[in-house]
Protein backbone atom coordinates (compact mmCIF):
# COMPACT_ATOMS: atom_id res chain seq x y z
CA VAL A 1 29.14 13.80 -77.60
CA GLN A 2 32.03 11.87 -79.11
CA LEU A 3 32.84 11.18 -82.72
CA GLN A 4 35.65 8.72 -83.32
CA ALA A 5 36.97 8.54 -86.88
CA SER A 6 39.08 5.65 -88.11
CA GLY A 7 40.22 3.92 -91.27
CA GLY A 8 42.76 6.34 -92.62
CA GLY A 9 46.08 5.22 -93.99
CA LEU A 10 48.44 5.19 -96.93
CA VAL A 11 47.10 4.12 -100.31
CA GLN A 12 48.32 4.35 -103.88
CA ALA A 13 46.53 6.53 -106.36
CA GLY A 14 43.60 4.62 -107.81
CA GLY A 15 43.14 2.64 -104.63
CA SER A 16 40.34 2.61 -102.06
CA LEU A 17 39.84 3.29 -98.38
CA ARG A 18 36.85 3.08 -96.11
CA LEU A 19 36.57 5.54 -93.27
CA SER A 20 34.28 5.01 -90.33
CA CYS A 21 33.01 7.31 -87.63
CA ALA A 22 31.50 5.97 -84.44
CA ALA A 23 29.22 8.36 -82.60
CA SER A 24 28.15 8.32 -78.99
CA GLY A 25 26.31 10.61 -76.64
CA LEU A 26 23.74 11.76 -79.16
CA THR A 27 20.50 10.60 -80.72
CA PHE A 28 22.22 9.41 -83.86
CA CYS A 29 19.17 9.15 -86.12
CA SER A 30 18.37 12.82 -85.45
CA TYR A 31 21.73 14.13 -86.64
CA THR A 32 23.08 14.91 -90.03
CA LEU A 33 26.51 13.29 -90.33
CA GLY A 34 29.16 14.70 -92.59
CA TRP A 35 32.77 14.32 -93.64
CA PHE A 36 35.21 17.15 -94.20
CA ARG A 37 38.89 17.06 -95.07
CA GLN A 38 41.82 19.35 -94.56
CA ALA A 39 44.96 19.25 -96.63
CA PRO A 40 48.17 20.87 -95.36
CA GLY A 41 47.97 24.64 -95.70
CA LYS A 42 44.35 24.58 -96.76
CA GLU A 43 41.04 25.20 -95.10
CA ARG A 44 38.83 22.38 -93.99
CA ALA A 45 36.57 21.52 -96.90
CA PHE A 46 33.28 19.71 -97.29
CA VAL A 47 33.37 16.18 -98.71
CA ALA A 48 30.02 14.51 -98.13
CA THR A 49 27.04 14.48 -95.82
CA SER A 50 24.03 12.34 -94.95
CA ASN A 51 20.94 14.28 -93.95
CA TRP A 52 19.09 12.79 -91.00
CA TYR A 53 15.74 13.91 -92.37
CA GLY A 54 14.90 11.82 -95.38
CA GLY A 55 18.35 10.36 -95.73
CA ALA A 56 19.49 12.53 -98.62
CA THR A 57 23.20 12.52 -99.35
CA TYR A 58 25.27 15.33 -100.82
CA TYR A 59 28.81 15.37 -102.16
CA ALA A 60 31.44 17.84 -103.12
CA ASP A 61 31.81 17.97 -106.89
CA SER A 62 35.38 16.73 -106.64
CA VAL A 63 34.33 13.39 -105.12
CA LYS A 64 31.04 12.68 -106.86
CA GLY A 65 31.03 9.25 -108.42
CA ARG A 66 34.04 8.13 -106.40
CA PHE A 67 33.00 8.50 -102.76
CA THR A 68 29.92 7.10 -101.05
CA ILE A 69 28.65 8.10 -97.63
CA SER A 70 26.44 5.70 -95.71
CA ARG A 71 25.09 5.57 -92.21
CA ASP A 72 24.00 2.76 -89.95
CA ASN A 73 21.54 4.14 -87.44
CA ALA A 74 21.50 0.85 -85.55
CA LYS A 75 25.27 0.97 -84.99
CA ASN A 76 25.62 4.74 -84.69
CA THR A 77 28.22 4.83 -87.42
CA VAL A 78 28.73 6.76 -90.62
CA ASN A 79 31.09 5.48 -93.28
CA LEU A 80 32.84 7.00 -96.23
CA GLN A 81 33.83 4.62 -99.00
CA MET A 82 36.51 6.25 -101.10
CA ASN A 83 37.37 4.74 -104.47
CA SER A 84 39.68 5.84 -107.26
CA LEU A 85 41.66 7.93 -104.83
CA GLU A 86 43.76 10.75 -106.17
CA PRO A 87 46.70 12.56 -104.57
CA GLU A 88 44.40 15.57 -104.20
CA ASP A 89 42.22 13.54 -101.84
CA ALA A 90 44.95 13.39 -99.22
CA GLY A 91 44.45 15.12 -95.90
CA VAL A 92 42.97 14.72 -92.47
CA TYR A 93 39.37 13.58 -92.67
CA TYR A 94 36.96 14.71 -89.99
CA CYS A 95 33.48 13.49 -89.27
CA ALA A 96 30.98 15.96 -87.93
CA ALA A 97 27.44 15.97 -86.62
CA SER A 98 24.73 18.56 -87.05
CA THR A 99 21.17 18.96 -85.88
CA ASN A 100 20.36 20.76 -89.13
CA SER A 101 18.52 19.06 -91.94
CA GLY A 102 18.77 21.56 -94.74
CA GLY A 103 19.78 21.24 -98.34
CA PRO A 104 23.24 20.88 -99.82
CA ASN A 105 24.06 24.59 -99.80
CA LEU A 106 23.59 24.68 -96.04
CA LEU A 107 25.02 21.30 -95.09
CA GLN A 108 28.35 21.90 -96.79
CA ARG A 109 29.05 24.77 -94.39
CA ARG A 110 31.32 24.02 -91.44
CA PHE A 111 29.43 26.32 -89.07
CA VAL A 112 26.33 24.13 -89.39
CA TYR A 113 28.02 21.27 -87.57
CA ASN A 114 27.80 21.17 -83.80
CA TYR A 115 30.29 18.40 -83.07
CA TRP A 116 33.56 17.25 -84.63
CA GLY A 117 35.71 14.17 -84.37
CA GLN A 118 39.48 14.14 -84.04
CA GLY A 119 40.27 13.28 -87.65
CA THR A 120 41.98 10.44 -89.46
CA LEU A 121 44.85 10.89 -91.89
CA VAL A 122 44.60 9.79 -95.50
CA THR A 123 47.75 9.76 -97.59
CA VAL A 124 47.62 9.04 -101.32
CA SER A 125 50.84 8.28 -103.13
CA SER A 126 51.15 8.99 -106.83
């Protein structure tokens, strides 16, 4: 299984970025796909996820209304549209895949995810 994240970069506060994650080696439509981020000196934290069963999406409170996760099962990709970026959104963003299809309390946990991508760096200047 490979997850290849891309789209990171430098953006001014208030700007937008779109991250993409291309997956291979798995039955994409049967996996929950999520995004996590890790800021320097902090633990990796949940950002958003798209449940494979029913297509429900869940977000961390800090990004609700600003970020949108979407998946394209035909292209085996999951995207994260990030708007109104804040300096606190900076970090390395990782995509992850899970065979679980639980609710938000479960899917925000790192241990639920079986596979991880290499990460893409997002820098937000104030």
